[in-house]
Amino acid sequence: MSELFLNYPDKFDKPGTLPPLLRRLLDYSLLMRWDKPIGALLLLWPTLWALWLAGQGQPQQFVVVIFLLGVWIMRSCGCAINDIADREFDPHVERTRSRPLAAGRISLREAVLVFLAMVLLALILVLQLNWLCFWLSLVGLVVAISYPFMKRFHHLPQAHLGIAFGWGVPMAYAALNGHVPFEAWVL
Protein backbone atom coordinates (compact mmCIF):
# COMPACT_ATOMS: atom_id res chain seq x y z
CA MET A 1 0.00 0.00 0.00
CA SER A 2 2.79 2.45 0.83
CA GLU A 3 4.25 1.84 -2.64
CA LEU A 4 0.96 2.98 -4.12
CA PHE A 5 1.02 6.20 -2.12
CA LEU A 6 4.74 6.93 -2.35
CA ASN A 7 4.58 7.00 -6.15
CA TYR A 8 1.14 8.57 -6.36
CA PRO A 9 1.94 11.52 -8.63
CA ASP A 10 3.96 9.39 -11.05
CA LYS A 11 1.51 6.48 -11.25
CA PHE A 12 -1.85 8.21 -11.25
CA ASP A 13 -1.51 11.66 -12.78
CA LYS A 14 -2.20 10.34 -16.26
CA PRO A 15 -5.80 11.15 -17.26
CA GLY A 16 -8.16 8.21 -17.05
CA THR A 17 -5.89 6.05 -14.88
CA LEU A 18 -8.32 6.16 -11.96
CA PRO A 19 -12.04 6.84 -11.91
CA PRO A 20 -12.66 10.44 -10.74
CA LEU A 21 -14.31 9.44 -7.45
CA LEU A 22 -11.48 7.08 -6.54
CA ARG A 23 -8.91 9.73 -7.47
CA ARG A 24 -10.69 12.26 -5.23
CA LEU A 25 -10.90 9.82 -2.30
CA LEU A 26 -7.23 9.00 -2.71
CA ASP A 27 -6.39 12.71 -2.60
CA TYR A 28 -8.46 13.14 0.56
CA SER A 29 -6.61 10.23 2.17
CA LEU A 30 -3.29 11.81 1.18
CA LEU A 31 -4.42 15.13 2.68
CA MET A 32 -4.93 13.27 5.97
CA ARG A 33 -1.61 11.39 5.55
CA TRP A 34 -3.20 7.95 5.73
CA ASP A 35 -0.25 6.82 3.64
CA LYS A 36 2.09 7.70 6.52
CA PRO A 37 0.75 6.03 9.67
CA ILE A 38 3.85 6.78 11.75
CA GLY A 39 2.32 10.08 12.91
CA ALA A 40 -0.77 8.31 14.23
CA LEU A 41 1.43 5.75 15.95
CA LEU A 42 3.43 8.52 17.64
CA LEU A 43 0.17 9.98 18.95
CA LEU A 44 -1.11 6.59 19.97
CA TRP A 45 1.89 5.49 22.02
CA PRO A 46 1.53 7.92 24.98
CA THR A 47 -2.25 7.61 24.83
CA LEU A 48 -2.16 3.82 25.15
CA TRP A 49 0.30 4.07 28.03
CA ALA A 50 -2.03 6.50 29.78
CA LEU A 51 -5.04 4.26 29.18
CA TRP A 52 -3.26 1.28 30.73
CA LEU A 53 -1.92 3.30 33.66
CA ALA A 54 -5.23 5.04 34.35
CA GLY A 55 -7.07 1.74 34.00
CA GLN A 56 -4.61 -0.03 36.33
CA GLY A 57 -3.66 -2.46 33.58
CA GLN A 58 -7.24 -3.19 32.53
CA PRO A 59 -8.77 -0.23 30.71
CA GLN A 60 -12.33 -0.58 29.47
CA GLN A 61 -12.25 -1.99 25.94
CA PHE A 62 -14.89 0.46 24.75
CA VAL A 63 -12.73 3.39 25.88
CA VAL A 64 -9.65 1.90 24.20
CA VAL A 65 -11.55 1.61 20.91
CA ILE A 66 -12.78 5.21 21.23
CA PHE A 67 -9.20 6.39 21.74
CA LEU A 68 -7.80 4.26 18.90
CA LEU A 69 -10.30 5.79 16.49
CA GLY A 70 -9.96 9.24 18.04
CA VAL A 71 -6.19 9.29 17.66
CA TRP A 72 -6.44 8.34 13.99
CA ILE A 73 -9.14 10.95 13.35
CA MET A 74 -7.40 13.77 15.23
CA ARG A 75 -4.13 13.07 13.47
CA SER A 76 -6.08 13.36 10.21
CA CYS A 77 -7.47 16.71 11.42
CA GLY A 78 -3.99 17.92 12.27
CA CYS A 79 -2.61 17.03 8.86
CA ALA A 80 -5.52 18.66 7.05
CA ILE A 81 -5.32 21.90 9.04
CA ASN A 82 -1.54 21.95 8.56
CA ASP A 83 -1.95 21.80 4.78
CA ILE A 84 -4.68 24.44 4.91
CA ALA A 85 -2.48 26.77 6.95
CA ASP A 86 0.59 26.17 4.77
CA ARG A 87 -1.19 26.23 1.40
CA GLU A 88 0.78 29.28 0.24
CA PHE A 89 4.16 27.78 1.24
CA ASP A 90 3.78 24.11 0.32
CA PRO A 91 3.83 24.56 -3.49
CA HIS A 92 7.31 26.11 -3.18
CA VAL A 93 8.86 23.37 -1.03
CA GLU A 94 10.13 20.20 -2.70
CA ARG A 95 8.99 17.93 0.14
CA THR A 96 5.42 19.30 0.20
CA ARG A 97 4.63 20.43 -3.34
CA SER A 98 2.98 17.13 -4.31
CA ARG A 99 0.47 17.27 -1.44
CA PRO A 100 -3.08 17.37 -2.83
CA LEU A 101 -3.92 20.94 -1.77
CA ALA A 102 -0.52 22.34 -2.76
CA ALA A 103 -0.65 20.58 -6.13
CA GLY A 104 -4.17 21.84 -6.82
CA ARG A 105 -5.74 18.39 -6.96
CA ILE A 106 -8.25 19.43 -4.28
CA SER A 107 -9.61 22.87 -3.48
CA LEU A 108 -9.31 24.82 -0.25
CA ARG A 109 -13.05 24.31 0.25
CA GLU A 110 -12.66 20.54 -0.06
CA ALA A 111 -9.76 20.52 2.40
CA VAL A 112 -11.80 22.53 4.92
CA LEU A 113 -14.75 20.16 4.48
CA VAL A 114 -12.51 17.13 5.05
CA PHE A 115 -11.15 18.81 8.19
CA LEU A 116 -14.66 19.61 9.46
CA ALA A 117 -15.85 16.07 8.72
CA MET A 118 -13.00 14.68 10.81
CA VAL A 119 -13.79 17.13 13.63
CA LEU A 120 -17.42 15.98 13.53
CA LEU A 121 -16.36 12.32 13.72
CA ALA A 122 -14.09 13.14 16.66
CA LEU A 123 -16.96 14.96 18.37
CA ILE A 124 -19.23 11.94 17.96
CA LEU A 125 -16.55 9.76 19.55
CA VAL A 126 -15.77 12.04 22.48
CA LEU A 127 -19.46 12.44 23.29
CA GLN A 128 -19.42 8.74 24.20
CA LEU A 129 -17.15 9.65 27.13
CA ASN A 130 -17.62 11.95 30.14
CA TRP A 131 -17.92 15.74 30.14
CA LEU A 132 -14.43 16.34 31.48
CA CYS A 133 -13.05 14.42 28.52
CA PHE A 134 -15.24 16.49 26.20
CA TRP A 135 -13.91 19.79 27.61
CA LEU A 136 -10.34 18.54 27.42
CA SER A 137 -10.95 17.56 23.80
CA LEU A 138 -11.89 21.15 22.97
CA VAL A 139 -8.58 22.33 24.40
CA GLY A 140 -6.84 19.61 22.38
CA LEU A 141 -8.60 20.78 19.24
CA VAL A 142 -7.39 24.35 19.82
CA VAL A 143 -3.84 23.07 20.34
CA ALA A 144 -4.03 21.01 17.13
CA ILE A 145 -5.47 23.86 15.07
CA SER A 146 -2.97 26.40 16.39
CA TYR A 147 0.17 24.30 15.78
CA PRO A 148 0.64 25.15 12.07
CA PHE A 149 0.45 28.84 12.91
CA MET A 150 2.95 28.54 15.77
CA LYS A 151 5.62 27.74 13.18
CA ARG A 152 5.38 31.38 12.18
CA PHE A 153 5.63 32.91 15.65
CA HIS A 154 8.26 31.07 17.65
CA HIS A 155 11.40 29.06 17.13
CA LEU A 156 10.28 25.91 18.95
CA PRO A 157 6.99 24.88 17.35
CA GLN A 158 7.95 21.29 18.17
CA ALA A 159 7.21 22.07 21.83
CA HIS A 160 3.69 23.04 20.82
CA LEU A 161 3.43 19.88 18.73
CA GLY A 162 4.62 17.88 21.73
CA ILE A 163 1.69 19.19 23.74
CA ALA A 164 -0.65 18.14 20.94
CA PHE A 165 0.92 14.68 20.75
CA GLY A 166 0.66 14.22 24.52
CA TRP A 167 -2.85 15.59 24.95
CA GLY A 168 -4.31 12.09 24.87
CA VAL A 169 -2.72 11.43 28.28
CA PRO A 170 -4.93 13.73 30.40
CA MET A 171 -7.89 12.76 28.24
CA ALA A 172 -7.29 9.07 28.93
CA TYR A 173 -7.20 9.67 32.67
CA ALA A 174 -10.33 11.81 32.46
CA ALA A 175 -12.16 9.17 30.43
CA LEU A 176 -11.35 6.32 32.80
CA ASN A 177 -11.24 8.05 36.19
CA GLY A 178 -13.34 11.19 35.83
CA HIS A 179 -10.44 13.41 36.91
CA VAL A 180 -6.89 14.20 35.85
CA PRO A 181 -4.35 13.57 38.62
CA PHE A 182 -0.95 15.26 38.82
CA GLU A 183 0.79 12.16 37.40
CA ALA A 184 -1.15 12.53 34.15
CA TRP A 185 0.19 16.04 33.63
CA VAL A 186 3.73 14.85 34.38
CA LEU A 187 3.46 12.11 31.77
C-alpha atoms as a PDB file:
ATOM      1  CA  MET A   1       0.000   0.000   0.000  1.00  0.00           C
ATOM      2  CA  SER A   2       2.787   2.450   0.828  1.00  0.00           C
ATOM      3  CA  GLU A   3       4.247   1.835  -2.639  1.00  0.00           C
ATOM      4  CA  LEU A   4       0.955   2.979  -4.120  1.00  0.00           C
ATOM      5  CA  PHE A   5       1.022   6.203  -2.123  1.00  0.00           C
ATOM      6  CA  LEU A   6       4.742   6.926  -2.354  1.00  0.00           C
ATOM      7  CA  ASN A   7       4.583   6.998  -6.145  1.00  0.00           C
ATOM      8  CA  TYR A   8       1.139   8.566  -6.361  1.00  0.00           C
ATOM      9  CA  PRO A   9       1.942  11.522  -8.634  1.00  0.00           C
ATOM     10  CA  ASP A  10       3.959   9.387 -11.047  1.00  0.00           C
ATOM     11  CA  LYS A  11       1.507   6.481 -11.248  1.00  0.00           C
ATOM     12  CA  PHE A  12      -1.852   8.207 -11.252  1.00  0.00           C
ATOM     13  CA  ASP A  13      -1.506  11.655 -12.777  1.00  0.00           C
ATOM     14  CA  LYS A  14      -2.201  10.341 -16.255  1.00  0.00           C
ATOM     15  CA  PRO A  15      -5.797  11.154 -17.260  1.00  0.00           C
ATOM     16  CA  GLY A  16      -8.158   8.206 -17.051  1.00  0.00           C
ATOM     17  CA  THR A  17      -5.888   6.047 -14.882  1.00  0.00           C
ATOM     18  CA  LEU A  18      -8.320   6.159 -11.958  1.00  0.00           C
ATOM     19  CA  PRO A  19     -12.044   6.839 -11.905  1.00  0.00           C
ATOM     20  CA  PRO A  20     -12.662  10.444 -10.739  1.00  0.00           C
ATOM     21  CA  LEU A  21     -14.314   9.436  -7.453  1.00  0.00           C
ATOM     22  CA  LEU A  22     -11.483   7.078  -6.543  1.00  0.00           C
ATOM     23  CA  ARG A  23      -8.911   9.729  -7.473  1.00  0.00           C
ATOM     24  CA  ARG A  24     -10.694  12.257  -5.234  1.00  0.00           C
ATOM     25  CA  LEU A  25     -10.904   9.817  -2.297  1.00  0.00           C
ATOM     26  CA  LEU A  26      -7.232   9.000  -2.713  1.00  0.00           C
ATOM     27  CA  ASP A  27      -6.388  12.711  -2.602  1.00  0.00           C
ATOM     28  CA  TYR A  28      -8.455  13.136   0.563  1.00  0.00           C
ATOM     29  CA  SER A  29      -6.612  10.230   2.174  1.00  0.00           C
ATOM     30  CA  LEU A  30      -3.292  11.805   1.184  1.00  0.00           C
ATOM     31  CA  LEU A  31      -4.425  15.130   2.684  1.00  0.00           C
ATOM     32  CA  MET A  32      -4.934  13.273   5.973  1.00  0.00           C
ATOM     33  CA  ARG A  33      -1.611  11.391   5.546  1.00  0.00           C
ATOM     34  CA  TRP A  34      -3.204   7.955   5.728  1.00  0.00           C
ATOM     35  CA  ASP A  35      -0.249   6.822   3.635  1.00  0.00           C
ATOM     36  CA  LYS A  36       2.095   7.702   6.522  1.00  0.00           C
ATOM     37  CA  PRO A  37       0.749   6.032   9.672  1.00  0.00           C
ATOM     38  CA  ILE A  38       3.845   6.784  11.754  1.00  0.00           C
ATOM     39  CA  GLY A  39       2.320  10.082  12.908  1.00  0.00           C
ATOM     40  CA  ALA A  40      -0.767   8.308  14.229  1.00  0.00           C
ATOM     41  CA  LEU A  41       1.426   5.749  15.954  1.00  0.00           C
ATOM     42  CA  LEU A  42       3.428   8.518  17.641  1.00  0.00           C
ATOM     43  CA  LEU A  43       0.170   9.984  18.950  1.00  0.00           C
ATOM     44  CA  LEU A  44      -1.112   6.585  19.967  1.00  0.00           C
ATOM     45  CA  TRP A  45       1.892   5.494  22.024  1.00  0.00           C
ATOM     46  CA  PRO A  46       1.534   7.918  24.984  1.00  0.00           C
ATOM     47  CA  THR A  47      -2.250   7.610  24.828  1.00  0.00           C
ATOM     48  CA  LEU A  48      -2.155   3.824  25.154  1.00  0.00           C
ATOM     49  CA  TRP A  49       0.302   4.067  28.033  1.00  0.00           C
ATOM     50  CA  ALA A  50      -2.027   6.496  29.776  1.00  0.00           C
ATOM     51  CA  LEU A  51      -5.044   4.257  29.183  1.00  0.00           C
ATOM     52  CA  TRP A  52      -3.259   1.280  30.731  1.00  0.00           C
ATOM     53  CA  LEU A  53      -1.916   3.297  33.660  1.00  0.00           C
ATOM     54  CA  ALA A  54      -5.231   5.043  34.355  1.00  0.00           C
ATOM     55  CA  GLY A  55      -7.065   1.737  33.997  1.00  0.00           C
ATOM     56  CA  GLN A  56      -4.608  -0.029  36.326  1.00  0.00           C
ATOM     57  CA  GLY A  57      -3.662  -2.463  33.580  1.00  0.00           C
ATOM     58  CA  GLN A  58      -7.237  -3.185  32.525  1.00  0.00           C
ATOM     59  CA  PRO A  59      -8.772  -0.226  30.706  1.00  0.00           C
ATOM     60  CA  GLN A  60     -12.330  -0.578  29.471  1.00  0.00           C
ATOM     61  CA  GLN A  61     -12.252  -1.991  25.943  1.00  0.00           C
ATOM     62  CA  PHE A  62     -14.890   0.460  24.753  1.00  0.00           C
ATOM     63  CA  VAL A  63     -12.735   3.389  25.876  1.00  0.00           C
ATOM     64  CA  VAL A  64      -9.652   1.900  24.204  1.00  0.00           C
ATOM     65  CA  VAL A  65     -11.554   1.607  20.910  1.00  0.00           C
ATOM     66  CA  ILE A  66     -12.785   5.209  21.235  1.00  0.00           C
ATOM     67  CA  PHE A  67      -9.202   6.394  21.737  1.00  0.00           C
ATOM     68  CA  LEU A  68      -7.803   4.258  18.901  1.00  0.00           C
ATOM     69  CA  LEU A  69     -10.298   5.788  16.493  1.00  0.00           C
ATOM     70  CA  GLY A  70      -9.961   9.244  18.043  1.00  0.00           C
ATOM     71  CA  VAL A  71      -6.191   9.290  17.664  1.00  0.00           C
ATOM     72  CA  TRP A  72      -6.439   8.343  13.992  1.00  0.00           C
ATOM     73  CA  ILE A  73      -9.137  10.950  13.353  1.00  0.00           C
ATOM     74  CA  MET A  74      -7.397  13.767  15.230  1.00  0.00           C
ATOM     75  CA  ARG A  75      -4.128  13.067  13.469  1.00  0.00           C
ATOM     76  CA  SER A  76      -6.076  13.360  10.206  1.00  0.00           C
ATOM     77  CA  CYS A  77      -7.474  16.705  11.422  1.00  0.00           C
ATOM     78  CA  GLY A  78      -3.994  17.918  12.269  1.00  0.00           C
ATOM     79  CA  CYS A  79      -2.612  17.027   8.858  1.00  0.00           C
ATOM     80  CA  ALA A  80      -5.525  18.664   7.055  1.00  0.00           C
ATOM     81  CA  ILE A  81      -5.317  21.901   9.042  1.00  0.00           C
ATOM     82  CA  ASN A  82      -1.538  21.951   8.557  1.00  0.00           C
ATOM     83  CA  ASP A  83      -1.949  21.798   4.783  1.00  0.00           C
ATOM     84  CA  ILE A  84      -4.682  24.437   4.906  1.00  0.00           C
ATOM     85  CA  ALA A  85      -2.479  26.774   6.954  1.00  0.00           C
ATOM     86  CA  ASP A  86       0.585  26.167   4.766  1.00  0.00           C
ATOM     87  CA  ARG A  87      -1.193  26.228   1.399  1.00  0.00           C
ATOM     88  CA  GLU A  88       0.785  29.281   0.243  1.00  0.00           C
ATOM     89  CA  PHE A  89       4.161  27.777   1.243  1.00  0.00           C
ATOM     90  CA  ASP A  90       3.784  24.106   0.316  1.00  0.00           C
ATOM     91  CA  PRO A  91       3.826  24.562  -3.493  1.00  0.00           C
ATOM     92  CA  HIS A  92       7.311  26.108  -3.179  1.00  0.00           C
ATOM     93  CA  VAL A  93       8.857  23.370  -1.030  1.00  0.00           C
ATOM     94  CA  GLU A  94      10.132  20.201  -2.696  1.00  0.00           C
ATOM     95  CA  ARG A  95       8.987  17.931   0.140  1.00  0.00           C
ATOM     96  CA  THR A  96       5.424  19.304   0.200  1.00  0.00           C
ATOM     97  CA  ARG A  97       4.632  20.431  -3.341  1.00  0.00           C
ATOM     98  CA  SER A  98       2.985  17.131  -4.313  1.00  0.00           C
ATOM     99  CA  ARG A  99       0.469  17.271  -1.443  1.00  0.00           C
ATOM    100  CA  PRO A 100      -3.081  17.368  -2.831  1.00  0.00           C
ATOM    101  CA  LEU A 101      -3.919  20.938  -1.770  1.00  0.00           C
ATOM    102  CA  ALA A 102      -0.516  22.336  -2.759  1.00  0.00           C
ATOM    103  CA  ALA A 103      -0.650  20.581  -6.132  1.00  0.00           C
ATOM    104  CA  GLY A 104      -4.170  21.841  -6.823  1.00  0.00           C
ATOM    105  CA  ARG A 105      -5.742  18.387  -6.960  1.00  0.00           C
ATOM    106  CA  ILE A 106      -8.247  19.430  -4.282  1.00  0.00           C
ATOM    107  CA  SER A 107      -9.613  22.871  -3.480  1.00  0.00           C
ATOM    108  CA  LEU A 108      -9.314  24.820  -0.248  1.00  0.00           C
ATOM    109  CA  ARG A 109     -13.052  24.313   0.253  1.00  0.00           C
ATOM    110  CA  GLU A 110     -12.663  20.542  -0.061  1.00  0.00           C
ATOM    111  CA  ALA A 111      -9.764  20.522   2.401  1.00  0.00           C
ATOM    112  CA  VAL A 112     -11.798  22.531   4.917  1.00  0.00           C
ATOM    113  CA  LEU A 113     -14.749  20.163   4.481  1.00  0.00           C
ATOM    114  CA  VAL A 114     -12.510  17.134   5.051  1.00  0.00           C
ATOM    115  CA  PHE A 115     -11.152  18.808   8.189  1.00  0.00           C
ATOM    116  CA  LEU A 116     -14.661  19.614   9.458  1.00  0.00           C
ATOM    117  CA  ALA A 117     -15.852  16.070   8.719  1.00  0.00           C
ATOM    118  CA  MET A 118     -12.996  14.684  10.810  1.00  0.00           C
ATOM    119  CA  VAL A 119     -13.792  17.132  13.635  1.00  0.00           C
ATOM    120  CA  LEU A 120     -17.423  15.979  13.531  1.00  0.00           C
ATOM    121  CA  LEU A 121     -16.362  12.323  13.725  1.00  0.00           C
ATOM    122  CA  ALA A 122     -14.089  13.137  16.661  1.00  0.00           C
ATOM    123  CA  LEU A 123     -16.955  14.961  18.368  1.00  0.00           C
ATOM    124  CA  ILE A 124     -19.226  11.938  17.958  1.00  0.00           C
ATOM    125  CA  LEU A 125     -16.551   9.764  19.549  1.00  0.00           C
ATOM    126  CA  VAL A 126     -15.766  12.042  22.483  1.00  0.00           C
ATOM    127  CA  LEU A 127     -19.456  12.440  23.294  1.00  0.00           C
ATOM    128  CA  GLN A 128     -19.416   8.740  24.197  1.00  0.00           C
ATOM    129  CA  LEU A 129     -17.155   9.654  27.127  1.00  0.00           C
ATOM    130  CA  ASN A 130     -17.624  11.949  30.135  1.00  0.00           C
ATOM    131  CA  TRP A 131     -17.923  15.738  30.136  1.00  0.00           C
ATOM    132  CA  LEU A 132     -14.433  16.342  31.475  1.00  0.00           C
ATOM    133  CA  CYS A 133     -13.049  14.421  28.522  1.00  0.00           C
ATOM    134  CA  PHE A 134     -15.240  16.487  26.195  1.00  0.00           C
ATOM    135  CA  TRP A 135     -13.912  19.794  27.608  1.00  0.00           C
ATOM    136  CA  LEU A 136     -10.339  18.536  27.418  1.00  0.00           C
ATOM    137  CA  SER A 137     -10.946  17.555  23.796  1.00  0.00           C
ATOM    138  CA  LEU A 138     -11.891  21.146  22.970  1.00  0.00           C
ATOM    139  CA  VAL A 139      -8.580  22.333  24.403  1.00  0.00           C
ATOM    140  CA  GLY A 140      -6.838  19.608  22.382  1.00  0.00           C
ATOM    141  CA  LEU A 141      -8.599  20.782  19.238  1.00  0.00           C
ATOM    142  CA  VAL A 142      -7.394  24.352  19.815  1.00  0.00           C
ATOM    143  CA  VAL A 143      -3.842  23.066  20.337  1.00  0.00           C
ATOM    144  CA  ALA A 144      -4.034  21.006  17.127  1.00  0.00           C
ATOM    145  CA  ILE A 145      -5.472  23.861  15.072  1.00  0.00           C
ATOM    146  CA  SER A 146      -2.966  26.399  16.386  1.00  0.00           C
ATOM    147  CA  TYR A 147       0.170  24.302  15.782  1.00  0.00           C
ATOM    148  CA  PRO A 148       0.635  25.150  12.071  1.00  0.00           C
ATOM    149  CA  PHE A 149       0.449  28.837  12.906  1.00  0.00           C
ATOM    150  CA  MET A 150       2.954  28.541  15.767  1.00  0.00           C
ATOM    151  CA  LYS A 151       5.620  27.736  13.177  1.00  0.00           C
ATOM    152  CA  ARG A 152       5.383  31.384  12.176  1.00  0.00           C
ATOM    153  CA  PHE A 153       5.630  32.907  15.649  1.00  0.00           C
ATOM    154  CA  HIS A 154       8.261  31.071  17.652  1.00  0.00           C
ATOM    155  CA  HIS A 155      11.398  29.056  17.135  1.00  0.00           C
ATOM    156  CA  LEU A 156      10.276  25.911  18.948  1.00  0.00           C
ATOM    157  CA  PRO A 157       6.991  24.879  17.348  1.00  0.00           C
ATOM    158  CA  GLN A 158       7.949  21.294  18.167  1.00  0.00           C
ATOM    159  CA  ALA A 159       7.211  22.073  21.827  1.00  0.00           C
ATOM    160  CA  HIS A 160       3.686  23.042  20.820  1.00  0.00           C
ATOM    161  CA  LEU A 161       3.434  19.881  18.732  1.00  0.00           C
ATOM    162  CA  GLY A 162       4.623  17.878  21.735  1.00  0.00           C
ATOM    163  CA  ILE A 163       1.686  19.192  23.741  1.00  0.00           C
ATOM    164  CA  ALA A 164      -0.653  18.138  20.941  1.00  0.00           C
ATOM    165  CA  PHE A 165       0.920  14.682  20.749  1.00  0.00           C
ATOM    166  CA  GLY A 166       0.663  14.220  24.516  1.00  0.00           C
ATOM    167  CA  TRP A 167      -2.851  15.593  24.948  1.00  0.00           C
ATOM    168  CA  GLY A 168      -4.313  12.088  24.872  1.00  0.00           C
ATOM    169  CA  VAL A 169      -2.717  11.429  28.277  1.00  0.00           C
ATOM    170  CA  PRO A 170      -4.929  13.726  30.398  1.00  0.00           C
ATOM    171  CA  MET A 171      -7.894  12.762  28.238  1.00  0.00           C
ATOM    172  CA  ALA A 172      -7.290   9.065  28.928  1.00  0.00           C
ATOM    173  CA  TYR A 173      -7.196   9.667  32.673  1.00  0.00           C
ATOM    174  CA  ALA A 174     -10.332  11.812  32.460  1.00  0.00           C
ATOM    175  CA  ALA A 175     -12.161   9.170  30.435  1.00  0.00           C
ATOM    176  CA  LEU A 176     -11.345   6.318  32.804  1.00  0.00           C
ATOM    177  CA  ASN A 177     -11.244   8.052  36.195  1.00  0.00           C
ATOM    178  CA  GLY A 178     -13.338  11.188  35.829  1.00  0.00           C
ATOM    179  CA  HIS A 179     -10.440  13.407  36.909  1.00  0.00           C
ATOM    180  CA  VAL A 180      -6.886  14.196  35.848  1.00  0.00           C
ATOM    181  CA  PRO A 181      -4.346  13.565  38.616  1.00  0.00           C
ATOM    182  CA  PHE A 182      -0.953  15.256  38.822  1.00  0.00           C
ATOM    183  CA  GLU A 183       0.786  12.163  37.404  1.00  0.00           C
ATOM    184  CA  ALA A 184      -1.154  12.533  34.152  1.00  0.00           C
ATOM    185  CA  TRP A 185       0.192  16.042  33.634  1.00  0.00           C
ATOM    186  CA  VAL A 186       3.730  14.850  34.378  1.00  0.00           C
ATOM    187  CA  LEU A 187       3.458  12.110  31.767  1.00  0.00           C
END
